[in-house]
């Protein structure tokens, strides 16, 4: 908990519950080909190797405007090789980082948004 609190103090100060893992804020899952998946057209694994789910907790902290700032920044920046928004809280992206690295990068942007730096 203290590591997360040190890295993302502004974000965690806005959440009443104790957050012990990044996954409680943002879920990063490896994307793979699943012929039964309805979203395979949107998230082709050859274009997007990760699926990003913004949790309700993080969505509540950011609010509608903050979520828009987040995905707009991710679309416009070159942080990830490719990026697509399916819904306000569901993204596909291509990155050479691991799941933890992707989550950390995104939460660093969230921290800047909450501090008013973006």
Protein backbone atom coordinates (compact mmCIF):
# COMPACT_ATOMS: atom_id res chain seq x y z
CA UNK A 1 0.00 0.00 0.00
CA UNK A 2 2.70 2.50 0.92
CA UNK A 3 4.46 2.04 -2.44
CA UNK A 4 1.26 2.88 -4.28
CA UNK A 5 0.60 5.80 -1.93
CA UNK A 6 4.10 7.15 -2.59
CA UNK A 7 3.73 6.82 -6.38
CA UNK A 8 0.16 8.09 -6.69
CA UNK A 9 -0.56 10.29 -3.64
CA UNK A 10 -3.14 12.54 -5.30
CA UNK A 11 -5.10 9.62 -6.72
CA UNK A 12 -5.12 7.56 -3.54
CA UNK A 13 -6.03 10.57 -1.38
CA UNK A 14 -9.33 10.69 -3.29
CA UNK A 15 -10.24 7.06 -2.51
CA UNK A 16 -11.70 6.14 0.88
CA UNK A 17 -10.99 2.40 0.65
CA UNK A 18 -7.51 0.97 1.07
CA UNK A 19 -6.02 0.04 -2.29
CA UNK A 20 -3.45 -2.74 -2.11
CA UNK A 21 -2.95 -3.58 -5.80
CA UNK A 22 -2.87 -1.73 -9.10
CA UNK A 23 -5.55 -4.13 -10.33
CA UNK A 24 -8.05 -2.51 -7.97
CA UNK A 25 -7.71 0.67 -10.04
CA UNK A 26 -6.92 -0.56 -13.52
CA UNK A 27 -7.04 -4.02 -15.06
CA UNK A 28 -4.58 -4.86 -17.82
CA UNK A 29 -5.18 -8.18 -19.56
CA UNK A 30 -3.24 -9.75 -22.37
CA UNK A 31 -5.28 -9.82 -25.57
CA UNK A 32 -5.43 -13.12 -27.41
CA UNK A 33 -7.42 -14.50 -30.31
CA UNK A 34 -10.73 -15.93 -29.09
CA UNK A 35 -13.12 -16.91 -31.85
CA UNK A 36 -16.08 -16.64 -29.46
CA UNK A 37 -15.18 -13.09 -28.44
CA UNK A 38 -17.58 -10.46 -29.82
CA UNK A 39 -14.92 -7.74 -29.49
CA UNK A 40 -12.36 -9.52 -31.67
CA UNK A 41 -13.20 -7.10 -34.51
CA UNK A 42 -12.28 -4.13 -32.33
CA UNK A 43 -9.27 -5.62 -30.55
CA UNK A 44 -7.29 -7.69 -33.03
CA UNK A 45 -4.40 -9.20 -31.02
CA UNK A 46 -1.96 -8.37 -33.81
CA UNK A 47 -2.80 -4.66 -33.34
CA UNK A 48 -3.53 -4.51 -29.61
CA UNK A 49 -1.72 -6.88 -27.27
CA UNK A 50 -3.43 -5.56 -24.12
CA UNK A 51 -6.97 -4.75 -23.06
CA UNK A 52 -7.30 -2.01 -20.46
CA UNK A 53 -10.29 -1.82 -18.13
CA UNK A 54 -10.68 1.28 -15.97
CA UNK A 55 -12.34 0.16 -12.73
CA UNK A 56 -15.40 1.83 -11.28
CA UNK A 57 -13.23 3.16 -8.45
CA UNK A 58 -10.88 4.94 -10.84
CA UNK A 59 -13.75 6.09 -13.07
CA UNK A 60 -15.45 7.68 -10.06
CA UNK A 61 -12.30 9.56 -9.10
CA UNK A 62 -11.67 10.82 -12.64
CA UNK A 63 -15.26 11.58 -13.53
CA UNK A 64 -16.44 11.97 -17.09
CA UNK A 65 -14.11 14.87 -17.93
CA UNK A 66 -11.09 13.13 -16.43
CA UNK A 67 -11.78 9.94 -18.37
CA UNK A 68 -12.02 11.96 -21.57
CA UNK A 69 -8.71 13.68 -20.79
CA UNK A 70 -7.13 10.31 -20.10
CA UNK A 71 -8.09 8.58 -23.32
CA UNK A 72 -7.55 11.73 -25.38
CA UNK A 73 -4.01 12.00 -24.01
CA UNK A 74 -3.38 8.31 -24.64
CA UNK A 75 -4.67 8.63 -28.23
CA UNK A 76 -2.56 11.71 -28.98
CA UNK A 77 0.65 10.73 -27.24
CA UNK A 78 3.12 8.18 -28.49
CA UNK A 79 3.38 6.32 -25.19
CA UNK A 80 1.99 3.16 -26.77
CA UNK A 81 2.56 1.83 -30.27
CA UNK A 82 -1.18 1.78 -30.97
CA UNK A 83 -4.23 2.73 -28.93
CA UNK A 84 -8.00 2.52 -29.45
CA UNK A 85 -10.97 3.47 -27.28
CA UNK A 86 -13.93 1.10 -27.33
CA UNK A 87 -15.76 2.69 -24.40
CA UNK A 88 -14.82 5.37 -21.86
CA UNK A 89 -13.46 2.65 -19.59
CA UNK A 90 -12.26 0.04 -22.12
CA UNK A 91 -9.20 0.44 -24.34
CA UNK A 92 -6.98 -1.65 -26.53
CA UNK A 93 -3.28 -0.90 -26.87
CA UNK A 94 0.01 -2.25 -28.17
CA UNK A 95 3.04 -2.01 -25.91
CA UNK A 96 6.31 -3.78 -25.26
CA UNK A 97 5.83 -3.10 -21.52
CA UNK A 98 4.44 -5.81 -19.25
CA UNK A 99 1.02 -5.48 -17.60
CA UNK A 100 2.45 -3.74 -14.53
CA UNK A 101 4.39 -1.30 -16.70
CA UNK A 102 1.29 -0.43 -18.74
CA UNK A 103 -0.79 0.10 -15.59
CA UNK A 104 1.91 2.27 -14.04
CA UNK A 105 2.23 4.45 -17.18
CA UNK A 106 -1.52 5.02 -17.30
CA UNK A 107 -1.77 5.78 -13.58
CA UNK A 108 1.09 8.28 -13.89
CA UNK A 109 -1.06 10.11 -16.44
CA UNK A 110 -4.07 9.89 -14.11
CA UNK A 111 -1.96 11.42 -11.33
CA UNK A 112 -1.03 14.34 -13.63
CA UNK A 113 -4.67 14.85 -14.61
CA UNK A 114 -5.72 14.97 -10.96
CA UNK A 115 -2.93 17.45 -10.16
CA UNK A 116 -4.14 19.65 -13.03
CA UNK A 117 -0.92 19.18 -15.02
CA UNK A 118 -2.77 17.84 -18.08
